[in-house]
Amino acid sequence: MRVNLIGATVAGCLVATGAMAQTAGTDEDIAFAGEIWQEMVDTGMVGDGAILGLPYMGAPPHGAMLETFFMDAEVAGEEGLLVIKRNYGPMEVAADEVLADPSGHLEAVTIMFQRAEGYDSEHNDWFYAKYDPDGSLDTNPAGMALAGAVGRNMEAGCIACHVGAGGDDYLFTTDAYPPRAAE
C-alpha cells in the first residue's frame, strides 16, 4: 500500500508539473531571441565594432561592470523598447580595463524587449533573454534556454527580480520610460 501511495504521489507531481505551461525557453522564445540578436547585430549593439558606452559598477546577477543601452526596435514585426545590458567581468574588473578590451571582458548580454500588449500583460509584456558573448542563449542548470518570460511565477529569475524595480516599469536603471499599465 505504501509503495502505491508513493507511486501515485510521484505520478501526480509529474502530471502537475507537465500541466503547468512553460513560460520561457520554448522554441518560439528561442526563435524570437534569435531575431533580437540579429537586430542588435544589424544596429551595431553587439559583435565586432559594437557601439561602446561608459561602463559603470554592476551587481549580481549581472556583471561587475555594465553598459546599458535603450533603443526603439522592430523585431519580427513587433515594435517596442529594447534594453540591452552588457555584463562584464571578472568581479574585480575596472572600467578602464573593460574599455581597453571590451570583448575580452564581456561575459553576457542580457536584454529586455517590451513586446506587443498581451504577451505577458501582468508583467508589462517584457521578454527577457541572456546571451553568451557569441550570441547563443545561456541556459539555467536544468538546461532551459534563458529566453521569454524567465522567472514568471517563480521566486528567482528575471521577472522575479525586476518586479521589485521602482516606477512600475521593471527597469532598475531609469524611470525615463513610462510604464505600461499592468492588467
N, C-alpha and C. Protein backbone atom coordinates (compact mmCIF):
# COMPACT_ATOMS: atom_id res chain seq x y z
N MET A 1 0.82 -1.19 0.00
CA MET A 1 0.00 0.00 0.00
C MET A 1 0.87 1.25 0.00
N ARG A 2 1.92 1.26 0.84
CA ARG A 2 2.78 2.43 0.93
C ARG A 2 3.47 2.71 -0.41
N VAL A 3 3.94 1.67 -1.11
CA VAL A 3 4.59 1.83 -2.41
C VAL A 3 3.61 2.43 -3.41
N ASN A 4 2.36 1.96 -3.42
CA ASN A 4 1.37 2.51 -4.34
C ASN A 4 1.09 3.98 -4.05
N LEU A 5 1.05 4.35 -2.77
CA LEU A 5 0.79 5.74 -2.40
C LEU A 5 1.94 6.63 -2.87
N ILE A 6 3.18 6.17 -2.67
CA ILE A 6 4.34 6.94 -3.12
C ILE A 6 4.33 7.04 -4.64
N GLY A 7 4.06 5.94 -5.32
CA GLY A 7 4.00 5.95 -6.78
C GLY A 7 2.93 6.90 -7.29
N ALA A 8 1.77 6.91 -6.64
CA ALA A 8 0.69 7.81 -7.05
C ALA A 8 1.07 9.26 -6.80
N THR A 9 1.76 9.51 -5.71
CA THR A 9 2.20 10.88 -5.40
C THR A 9 3.20 11.37 -6.44
N VAL A 10 4.20 10.53 -6.76
CA VAL A 10 5.20 10.91 -7.76
C VAL A 10 4.53 11.12 -9.11
N ALA A 11 3.64 10.24 -9.51
CA ALA A 11 2.94 10.38 -10.79
C ALA A 11 2.12 11.66 -10.81
N GLY A 12 1.46 11.97 -9.69
CA GLY A 12 0.67 13.20 -9.61
C GLY A 12 1.54 14.44 -9.76
N CYS A 13 2.71 14.41 -9.14
CA CYS A 13 3.63 15.56 -9.26
C CYS A 13 4.11 15.71 -10.69
N LEU A 14 4.42 14.60 -11.35
CA LEU A 14 4.87 14.68 -12.74
C LEU A 14 3.78 15.22 -13.65
N VAL A 15 2.54 14.79 -13.45
CA VAL A 15 1.43 15.28 -14.25
C VAL A 15 1.21 16.76 -13.99
N ALA A 16 1.24 17.16 -12.71
CA ALA A 16 1.03 18.57 -12.37
C ALA A 16 2.13 19.43 -12.97
N THR A 17 3.37 18.96 -12.92
CA THR A 17 4.48 19.72 -13.49
C THR A 17 4.31 19.84 -14.99
N GLY A 18 3.92 18.78 -15.64
CA GLY A 18 3.72 18.81 -17.08
C GLY A 18 2.54 19.67 -17.48
N ALA A 19 1.55 19.79 -16.59
CA ALA A 19 0.36 20.58 -16.91
C ALA A 19 0.63 22.07 -16.84
N MET A 20 1.66 22.46 -16.08
CA MET A 20 1.99 23.87 -15.99
C MET A 20 2.60 24.32 -17.31
N ALA A 21 2.11 25.41 -17.85
CA ALA A 21 2.63 25.90 -19.12
C ALA A 21 4.04 26.43 -18.92
N GLN A 22 4.92 26.04 -19.80
CA GLN A 22 6.28 26.57 -19.76
C GLN A 22 6.22 28.01 -20.22
N THR A 23 6.80 28.91 -19.43
CA THR A 23 6.71 30.34 -19.75
C THR A 23 8.01 30.89 -20.30
N ALA A 24 9.01 30.07 -20.47
CA ALA A 24 10.29 30.53 -21.01
C ALA A 24 11.01 29.35 -21.65
N GLY A 25 11.92 29.67 -22.55
CA GLY A 25 12.75 28.64 -23.15
C GLY A 25 12.06 27.79 -24.19
N THR A 26 10.90 28.21 -24.67
CA THR A 26 10.19 27.44 -25.70
C THR A 26 10.87 27.65 -27.05
N ASP A 27 10.52 26.84 -28.02
CA ASP A 27 11.06 27.01 -29.37
C ASP A 27 10.74 28.40 -29.91
N GLU A 28 9.53 28.89 -29.63
CA GLU A 28 9.14 30.23 -30.06
C GLU A 28 10.00 31.29 -29.38
N ASP A 29 10.25 31.13 -28.08
CA ASP A 29 11.11 32.07 -27.35
C ASP A 29 12.52 32.08 -27.92
N ILE A 30 13.04 30.92 -28.21
CA ILE A 30 14.40 30.80 -28.75
C ILE A 30 14.49 31.47 -30.12
N ALA A 31 13.49 31.25 -30.96
CA ALA A 31 13.47 31.88 -32.28
C ALA A 31 13.37 33.40 -32.16
N PHE A 32 12.51 33.88 -31.27
CA PHE A 32 12.34 35.33 -31.09
C PHE A 32 13.64 35.95 -30.55
N ALA A 33 14.29 35.26 -29.63
CA ALA A 33 15.57 35.74 -29.10
C ALA A 33 16.61 35.82 -30.22
N GLY A 34 16.57 34.89 -31.15
CA GLY A 34 17.47 34.94 -32.31
C GLY A 34 17.21 36.16 -33.17
N GLU A 35 15.95 36.52 -33.33
CA GLU A 35 15.58 37.73 -34.09
C GLU A 35 16.10 38.98 -33.38
N ILE A 36 16.00 38.99 -32.05
CA ILE A 36 16.51 40.14 -31.28
C ILE A 36 18.02 40.25 -31.45
N TRP A 37 18.72 39.12 -31.35
CA TRP A 37 20.18 39.16 -31.52
C TRP A 37 20.53 39.73 -32.89
N GLN A 38 19.84 39.30 -33.92
CA GLN A 38 20.13 39.80 -35.27
C GLN A 38 19.88 41.30 -35.36
N GLU A 39 18.82 41.79 -34.72
CA GLU A 39 18.54 43.23 -34.69
C GLU A 39 19.70 43.97 -34.01
N MET A 40 20.24 43.39 -32.95
CA MET A 40 21.36 44.04 -32.25
C MET A 40 22.63 44.03 -33.11
N VAL A 41 22.86 42.95 -33.86
CA VAL A 41 23.99 42.90 -34.78
C VAL A 41 23.82 43.98 -35.85
N ASP A 42 22.62 44.05 -36.44
CA ASP A 42 22.35 44.99 -37.52
C ASP A 42 22.48 46.45 -37.10
N THR A 43 22.25 46.74 -35.82
CA THR A 43 22.31 48.12 -35.33
C THR A 43 23.62 48.43 -34.60
N GLY A 44 24.58 47.50 -34.64
CA GLY A 44 25.88 47.75 -34.03
C GLY A 44 25.90 47.70 -32.52
N MET A 45 24.93 47.01 -31.93
CA MET A 45 24.88 46.93 -30.47
C MET A 45 25.65 45.72 -29.92
N VAL A 46 25.93 44.74 -30.76
CA VAL A 46 26.72 43.57 -30.38
C VAL A 46 27.63 43.20 -31.54
N GLY A 47 28.63 42.42 -31.25
CA GLY A 47 29.54 41.95 -32.29
C GLY A 47 30.75 42.85 -32.46
N ASP A 48 31.57 42.52 -33.45
CA ASP A 48 32.77 43.30 -33.73
C ASP A 48 32.40 44.74 -34.04
N GLY A 49 33.11 45.66 -33.43
CA GLY A 49 32.86 47.07 -33.68
C GLY A 49 31.60 47.61 -33.04
N ALA A 50 31.08 46.91 -32.03
CA ALA A 50 29.85 47.36 -31.36
C ALA A 50 30.06 48.74 -30.73
N ILE A 51 29.00 49.50 -30.70
CA ILE A 51 28.99 50.81 -30.05
C ILE A 51 29.40 50.63 -28.59
N LEU A 52 30.25 51.52 -28.10
CA LEU A 52 30.68 51.43 -26.71
C LEU A 52 30.07 52.56 -25.89
N GLY A 53 29.83 52.27 -24.64
CA GLY A 53 29.36 53.27 -23.69
C GLY A 53 30.36 53.37 -22.55
N LEU A 54 30.00 54.07 -21.52
CA LEU A 54 30.86 54.19 -20.35
C LEU A 54 30.42 53.13 -19.34
N PRO A 55 31.27 52.14 -19.08
CA PRO A 55 30.90 51.10 -18.11
C PRO A 55 30.71 51.69 -16.71
N TYR A 56 29.77 51.12 -15.98
CA TYR A 56 29.52 51.53 -14.60
C TYR A 56 29.47 50.30 -13.72
N MET A 57 29.58 50.49 -12.42
CA MET A 57 29.63 49.38 -11.48
C MET A 57 28.32 48.61 -11.48
N GLY A 58 28.41 47.30 -11.58
CA GLY A 58 27.24 46.44 -11.58
C GLY A 58 27.10 45.67 -10.29
N ALA A 59 26.17 44.74 -10.31
CA ALA A 59 25.91 43.89 -9.16
C ALA A 59 25.34 42.56 -9.65
N PRO A 60 25.49 41.50 -8.86
CA PRO A 60 24.90 40.21 -9.24
C PRO A 60 23.39 40.33 -9.42
N PRO A 61 22.80 39.60 -10.34
CA PRO A 61 23.39 38.52 -11.12
C PRO A 61 24.07 38.99 -12.40
N HIS A 62 24.12 40.30 -12.61
CA HIS A 62 24.80 40.84 -13.79
C HIS A 62 26.28 40.99 -13.47
N GLY A 63 27.04 41.57 -14.36
CA GLY A 63 28.48 41.64 -14.20
C GLY A 63 28.97 42.69 -13.23
N ALA A 64 30.28 42.67 -13.00
CA ALA A 64 30.92 43.64 -12.12
C ALA A 64 30.85 45.03 -12.73
N MET A 65 30.94 45.10 -14.05
CA MET A 65 30.81 46.35 -14.80
C MET A 65 29.73 46.13 -15.86
N LEU A 66 28.96 47.17 -16.11
CA LEU A 66 27.84 47.08 -17.05
C LEU A 66 27.84 48.26 -18.02
N GLU A 67 27.24 48.05 -19.17
CA GLU A 67 26.86 49.11 -20.09
C GLU A 67 25.39 48.86 -20.40
N THR A 68 24.58 49.89 -20.38
CA THR A 68 23.16 49.73 -20.67
C THR A 68 22.76 50.71 -21.77
N PHE A 69 22.01 50.20 -22.74
CA PHE A 69 21.54 50.99 -23.87
C PHE A 69 20.03 50.80 -24.01
N PHE A 70 19.36 51.85 -24.43
CA PHE A 70 17.92 51.84 -24.67
C PHE A 70 17.68 52.24 -26.11
N MET A 71 16.83 51.51 -26.81
CA MET A 71 16.51 51.88 -28.18
C MET A 71 15.14 51.34 -28.56
N ASP A 72 14.50 52.03 -29.47
CA ASP A 72 13.28 51.50 -30.07
C ASP A 72 13.72 50.52 -31.13
N ALA A 73 13.04 49.39 -31.21
CA ALA A 73 13.43 48.36 -32.16
C ALA A 73 12.19 47.71 -32.75
N GLU A 74 12.37 47.15 -33.93
CA GLU A 74 11.34 46.32 -34.54
C GLU A 74 11.91 44.92 -34.67
N VAL A 75 11.24 43.97 -34.05
CA VAL A 75 11.69 42.59 -34.03
C VAL A 75 10.54 41.71 -34.49
N ALA A 76 10.74 41.00 -35.58
CA ALA A 76 9.72 40.09 -36.12
C ALA A 76 8.36 40.78 -36.24
N GLY A 77 8.38 42.03 -36.70
CA GLY A 77 7.14 42.77 -36.91
C GLY A 77 6.57 43.45 -35.68
N GLU A 78 7.21 43.29 -34.53
CA GLU A 78 6.75 43.94 -33.29
C GLU A 78 7.67 45.11 -32.97
N GLU A 79 7.07 46.26 -32.68
CA GLU A 79 7.84 47.43 -32.28
C GLU A 79 7.79 47.56 -30.77
N GLY A 80 8.95 47.85 -30.17
CA GLY A 80 8.98 48.01 -28.72
C GLY A 80 10.31 48.55 -28.25
N LEU A 81 10.37 48.84 -26.97
CA LEU A 81 11.59 49.31 -26.34
C LEU A 81 12.51 48.11 -26.12
N LEU A 82 13.77 48.26 -26.53
CA LEU A 82 14.78 47.22 -26.32
C LEU A 82 15.83 47.77 -25.36
N VAL A 83 16.00 47.09 -24.24
CA VAL A 83 17.01 47.45 -23.25
C VAL A 83 18.12 46.41 -23.35
N ILE A 84 19.33 46.88 -23.61
CA ILE A 84 20.48 46.00 -23.80
C ILE A 84 21.47 46.26 -22.68
N LYS A 85 21.85 45.20 -21.99
CA LYS A 85 22.83 45.33 -20.90
C LYS A 85 24.00 44.40 -21.19
N ARG A 86 25.17 45.00 -21.33
CA ARG A 86 26.38 44.20 -21.48
C ARG A 86 26.96 43.97 -20.10
N ASN A 87 27.23 42.71 -19.79
CA ASN A 87 27.70 42.28 -18.47
C ASN A 87 29.19 41.90 -18.57
N TYR A 88 30.04 42.66 -17.88
CA TYR A 88 31.48 42.44 -17.94
C TYR A 88 32.02 41.88 -16.63
N GLY A 89 33.10 41.12 -16.73
CA GLY A 89 33.76 40.57 -15.56
C GLY A 89 35.23 40.40 -15.84
N PRO A 90 35.96 39.79 -14.89
CA PRO A 90 35.51 39.18 -13.64
C PRO A 90 35.13 40.23 -12.60
N MET A 91 34.77 39.79 -11.42
CA MET A 91 34.24 40.68 -10.39
C MET A 91 35.16 41.86 -10.07
N GLU A 92 36.45 41.70 -10.19
CA GLU A 92 37.36 42.79 -9.82
C GLU A 92 37.75 43.67 -11.01
N VAL A 93 37.14 43.49 -12.18
CA VAL A 93 37.49 44.28 -13.36
C VAL A 93 37.12 45.75 -13.16
N ALA A 94 37.94 46.63 -13.71
CA ALA A 94 37.70 48.07 -13.62
C ALA A 94 37.24 48.61 -14.97
N ALA A 95 36.63 49.76 -14.96
CA ALA A 95 36.08 50.36 -16.18
C ALA A 95 37.15 50.55 -17.25
N ASP A 96 38.35 51.00 -16.87
CA ASP A 96 39.39 51.22 -17.88
C ASP A 96 39.83 49.91 -18.53
N GLU A 97 39.78 48.81 -17.79
CA GLU A 97 40.11 47.51 -18.36
C GLU A 97 39.05 47.08 -19.37
N VAL A 98 37.79 47.33 -19.04
CA VAL A 98 36.70 47.00 -19.97
C VAL A 98 36.83 47.83 -21.24
N LEU A 99 37.10 49.12 -21.10
CA LEU A 99 37.25 49.99 -22.27
C LEU A 99 38.43 49.58 -23.14
N ALA A 100 39.51 49.08 -22.52
CA ALA A 100 40.69 48.66 -23.27
C ALA A 100 40.47 47.35 -24.01
N ASP A 101 39.61 46.48 -23.49
CA ASP A 101 39.38 45.16 -24.10
C ASP A 101 37.95 44.70 -23.83
N PRO A 102 36.96 45.37 -24.44
CA PRO A 102 35.57 45.02 -24.13
C PRO A 102 35.22 43.57 -24.45
N SER A 103 35.65 43.07 -25.60
CA SER A 103 35.28 41.69 -25.95
C SER A 103 35.97 40.68 -25.04
N GLY A 104 37.15 41.02 -24.52
CA GLY A 104 37.84 40.12 -23.61
C GLY A 104 37.20 40.03 -22.24
N HIS A 105 36.41 41.02 -21.88
CA HIS A 105 35.77 41.04 -20.56
C HIS A 105 34.26 40.77 -20.62
N LEU A 106 33.71 40.73 -21.83
CA LEU A 106 32.26 40.51 -21.97
C LEU A 106 31.91 39.09 -21.53
N GLU A 107 31.03 39.00 -20.55
CA GLU A 107 30.59 37.68 -20.06
C GLU A 107 29.21 37.32 -20.56
N ALA A 108 28.35 38.31 -20.77
CA ALA A 108 26.98 38.03 -21.22
C ALA A 108 26.35 39.32 -21.72
N VAL A 109 25.30 39.16 -22.51
CA VAL A 109 24.45 40.27 -22.93
C VAL A 109 23.04 39.89 -22.48
N THR A 110 22.44 40.74 -21.66
CA THR A 110 21.07 40.49 -21.21
C THR A 110 20.18 41.57 -21.78
N ILE A 111 18.97 41.18 -22.14
CA ILE A 111 18.06 42.14 -22.77
C ILE A 111 16.67 42.05 -22.17
N MET A 112 15.94 43.13 -22.35
CA MET A 112 14.50 43.17 -22.11
C MET A 112 13.91 43.81 -23.37
N PHE A 113 12.91 43.19 -23.93
CA PHE A 113 12.21 43.77 -25.08
C PHE A 113 10.73 43.82 -24.74
N GLN A 114 10.15 45.00 -24.84
CA GLN A 114 8.73 45.13 -24.50
C GLN A 114 7.90 44.76 -25.72
N ARG A 115 7.33 43.56 -25.65
CA ARG A 115 6.56 43.02 -26.76
C ARG A 115 5.18 43.66 -26.83
N ALA A 116 4.43 43.26 -27.85
CA ALA A 116 3.08 43.79 -28.06
C ALA A 116 2.21 43.48 -26.85
N GLU A 117 1.26 44.36 -26.60
CA GLU A 117 0.34 44.15 -25.47
C GLU A 117 -0.32 42.79 -25.58
N GLY A 118 -0.37 42.09 -24.45
CA GLY A 118 -0.97 40.77 -24.40
C GLY A 118 0.05 39.65 -24.30
N TYR A 119 1.33 39.94 -24.53
CA TYR A 119 2.36 38.90 -24.41
C TYR A 119 2.42 38.40 -22.97
N ASP A 120 2.58 39.29 -22.02
CA ASP A 120 2.58 38.97 -20.59
C ASP A 120 2.14 40.24 -19.87
N SER A 121 0.86 40.58 -20.02
CA SER A 121 0.33 41.85 -19.52
C SER A 121 0.56 42.06 -18.04
N GLU A 122 0.55 40.98 -17.28
CA GLU A 122 0.76 41.08 -15.84
C GLU A 122 2.13 41.67 -15.50
N HIS A 123 3.09 41.51 -16.41
CA HIS A 123 4.46 41.97 -16.18
C HIS A 123 4.91 42.94 -17.28
N ASN A 124 4.00 43.79 -17.73
CA ASN A 124 4.28 44.84 -18.72
C ASN A 124 4.83 44.31 -20.04
N ASP A 125 4.55 43.06 -20.36
CA ASP A 125 4.87 42.47 -21.66
C ASP A 125 6.36 42.38 -21.96
N TRP A 126 7.19 42.29 -20.93
CA TRP A 126 8.63 42.20 -21.14
C TRP A 126 9.05 40.78 -21.52
N PHE A 127 9.89 40.69 -22.53
CA PHE A 127 10.55 39.46 -22.97
C PHE A 127 12.00 39.60 -22.52
N TYR A 128 12.54 38.58 -21.88
CA TYR A 128 13.90 38.61 -21.37
C TYR A 128 14.75 37.57 -22.10
N ALA A 129 16.04 37.85 -22.22
CA ALA A 129 16.97 36.85 -22.75
C ALA A 129 18.36 37.12 -22.20
N LYS A 130 19.11 36.04 -22.03
CA LYS A 130 20.52 36.15 -21.63
C LYS A 130 21.34 35.39 -22.66
N TYR A 131 22.23 36.13 -23.32
CA TYR A 131 23.07 35.57 -24.37
C TYR A 131 24.50 35.44 -23.88
N ASP A 132 25.19 34.42 -24.37
CA ASP A 132 26.63 34.35 -24.22
C ASP A 132 27.22 35.34 -25.22
N PRO A 133 28.50 35.71 -25.09
CA PRO A 133 29.08 36.71 -25.99
C PRO A 133 28.97 36.37 -27.48
N ASP A 134 28.88 35.08 -27.82
CA ASP A 134 28.78 34.69 -29.23
C ASP A 134 27.35 34.74 -29.77
N GLY A 135 26.39 35.13 -28.94
CA GLY A 135 25.00 35.23 -29.38
C GLY A 135 24.17 34.00 -29.10
N SER A 136 24.78 32.93 -28.62
CA SER A 136 23.99 31.76 -28.23
C SER A 136 23.31 32.07 -26.90
N LEU A 137 22.18 31.43 -26.67
CA LEU A 137 21.45 31.67 -25.43
C LEU A 137 22.08 30.90 -24.27
N ASP A 138 22.18 31.56 -23.14
CA ASP A 138 22.62 30.90 -21.92
C ASP A 138 21.49 30.00 -21.45
N THR A 139 21.79 29.05 -20.60
CA THR A 139 20.78 28.14 -20.07
C THR A 139 20.87 28.11 -18.55
N ASN A 140 19.76 27.71 -17.93
CA ASN A 140 19.78 27.53 -16.48
C ASN A 140 20.33 26.14 -16.17
N PRO A 141 20.52 25.79 -14.89
CA PRO A 141 21.07 24.47 -14.55
C PRO A 141 20.24 23.29 -15.09
N ALA A 142 18.96 23.51 -15.34
CA ALA A 142 18.11 22.44 -15.88
C ALA A 142 18.21 22.35 -17.40
N GLY A 143 18.99 23.24 -18.02
CA GLY A 143 19.16 23.21 -19.47
C GLY A 143 18.16 24.04 -20.25
N MET A 144 17.31 24.80 -19.56
CA MET A 144 16.32 25.64 -20.24
C MET A 144 16.99 26.91 -20.77
N ALA A 145 16.74 27.23 -22.03
CA ALA A 145 17.26 28.46 -22.62
C ALA A 145 16.66 29.66 -21.89
N LEU A 146 17.50 30.62 -21.55
CA LEU A 146 17.04 31.81 -20.82
C LEU A 146 16.51 32.83 -21.81
N ALA A 147 15.28 32.60 -22.24
CA ALA A 147 14.60 33.49 -23.18
C ALA A 147 13.11 33.37 -22.94
N GLY A 148 12.43 34.51 -22.95
CA GLY A 148 10.98 34.53 -22.76
C GLY A 148 10.60 35.17 -21.45
N ALA A 149 9.56 34.67 -20.84
CA ALA A 149 9.08 35.19 -19.55
C ALA A 149 9.84 34.47 -18.43
N VAL A 150 11.15 34.70 -18.38
CA VAL A 150 12.04 33.99 -17.45
C VAL A 150 11.74 34.42 -16.02
N GLY A 151 11.43 33.46 -15.18
CA GLY A 151 11.15 33.73 -13.77
C GLY A 151 9.69 34.03 -13.48
N ARG A 152 8.82 33.84 -14.45
CA ARG A 152 7.39 34.09 -14.22
C ARG A 152 6.86 33.04 -13.24
N ASN A 153 6.13 33.49 -12.24
CA ASN A 153 5.56 32.62 -11.21
C ASN A 153 6.63 31.83 -10.45
N MET A 154 7.81 32.41 -10.32
CA MET A 154 8.90 31.76 -9.60
C MET A 154 9.47 32.73 -8.57
N GLU A 155 10.31 32.19 -7.71
CA GLU A 155 10.95 33.03 -6.69
C GLU A 155 12.27 33.62 -7.17
N ALA A 156 12.80 33.12 -8.29
CA ALA A 156 14.07 33.62 -8.83
C ALA A 156 13.93 33.75 -10.34
N GLY A 157 14.79 34.54 -10.93
CA GLY A 157 14.76 34.73 -12.37
C GLY A 157 14.49 36.19 -12.71
N CYS A 158 14.49 36.48 -13.99
CA CYS A 158 14.39 37.87 -14.46
C CYS A 158 13.15 38.58 -13.92
N ILE A 159 11.98 38.03 -14.16
CA ILE A 159 10.74 38.69 -13.73
C ILE A 159 10.70 38.79 -12.22
N ALA A 160 11.05 37.70 -11.54
CA ALA A 160 11.00 37.69 -10.07
C ALA A 160 11.86 38.80 -9.48
N CYS A 161 12.95 39.14 -10.12
CA CYS A 161 13.81 40.22 -9.64
C CYS A 161 13.27 41.58 -10.09
N HIS A 162 12.97 41.72 -11.37
CA HIS A 162 12.59 43.03 -11.92
C HIS A 162 11.23 43.52 -11.45
N VAL A 163 10.40 42.66 -10.92
CA VAL A 163 9.13 43.10 -10.37
C VAL A 163 9.36 44.07 -9.20
N GLY A 164 10.54 44.01 -8.60
CA GLY A 164 10.87 44.89 -7.48
C GLY A 164 11.46 46.23 -7.87
N ALA A 165 11.60 46.48 -9.17
CA ALA A 165 12.15 47.78 -9.61
C ALA A 165 11.13 48.88 -9.36
N GLY A 166 11.59 50.04 -8.98
CA GLY A 166 10.69 51.16 -8.76
C GLY A 166 10.10 51.67 -10.06
N GLY A 167 9.03 52.41 -9.96
CA GLY A 167 8.44 53.04 -11.13
C GLY A 167 7.48 52.18 -11.92
N ASP A 168 7.22 50.96 -11.48
CA ASP A 168 6.29 50.05 -12.15
C ASP A 168 6.65 49.77 -13.61
N ASP A 169 7.93 49.94 -13.96
CA ASP A 169 8.33 49.70 -15.35
C ASP A 169 9.28 48.52 -15.50
N TYR A 170 9.64 47.87 -14.39
CA TYR A 170 10.54 46.72 -14.36
C TYR A 170 11.98 47.09 -14.69
N LEU A 171 12.30 48.38 -14.74
CA LEU A 171 13.64 48.85 -15.05
C LEU A 171 14.30 49.43 -13.81
N PHE A 172 15.49 48.94 -13.49
CA PHE A 172 16.23 49.45 -12.35
C PHE A 172 17.02 50.71 -12.69
N THR A 173 17.44 50.86 -13.93
CA THR A 173 18.38 51.93 -14.29
C THR A 173 17.74 53.29 -14.49
N THR A 174 16.48 53.35 -14.84
CA THR A 174 15.84 54.63 -15.13
C THR A 174 14.33 54.51 -15.02
N ASP A 175 13.71 55.63 -14.73
CA ASP A 175 12.25 55.71 -14.81
C ASP A 175 11.86 56.64 -15.96
N ALA A 176 12.75 56.80 -16.92
CA ALA A 176 12.53 57.73 -18.03
C ALA A 176 11.46 57.23 -19.00
N TYR A 177 11.21 55.93 -18.99
CA TYR A 177 10.23 55.37 -19.91
C TYR A 177 8.95 55.09 -19.15
N PRO A 178 7.84 55.71 -19.54
CA PRO A 178 6.60 55.50 -18.79
C PRO A 178 6.17 54.04 -18.87
N PRO A 179 5.77 53.48 -17.73
CA PRO A 179 5.36 52.07 -17.73
C PRO A 179 4.02 51.89 -18.42
N ARG A 180 3.86 50.72 -19.00
CA ARG A 180 2.54 50.33 -19.48
C ARG A 180 1.71 49.97 -18.27
N ALA A 181 0.45 50.22 -18.35
CA ALA A 181 -0.44 49.84 -17.24
C ALA A 181 -0.54 48.33 -17.19
N ALA A 182 -0.13 47.74 -16.07
CA ALA A 182 -0.24 46.30 -15.88
C ALA A 182 -1.70 45.96 -15.64
N GLU A 183 -2.11 44.82 -16.18
CA GLU A 183 -3.50 44.40 -16.01
C GLU A 183 -3.64 43.53 -14.79
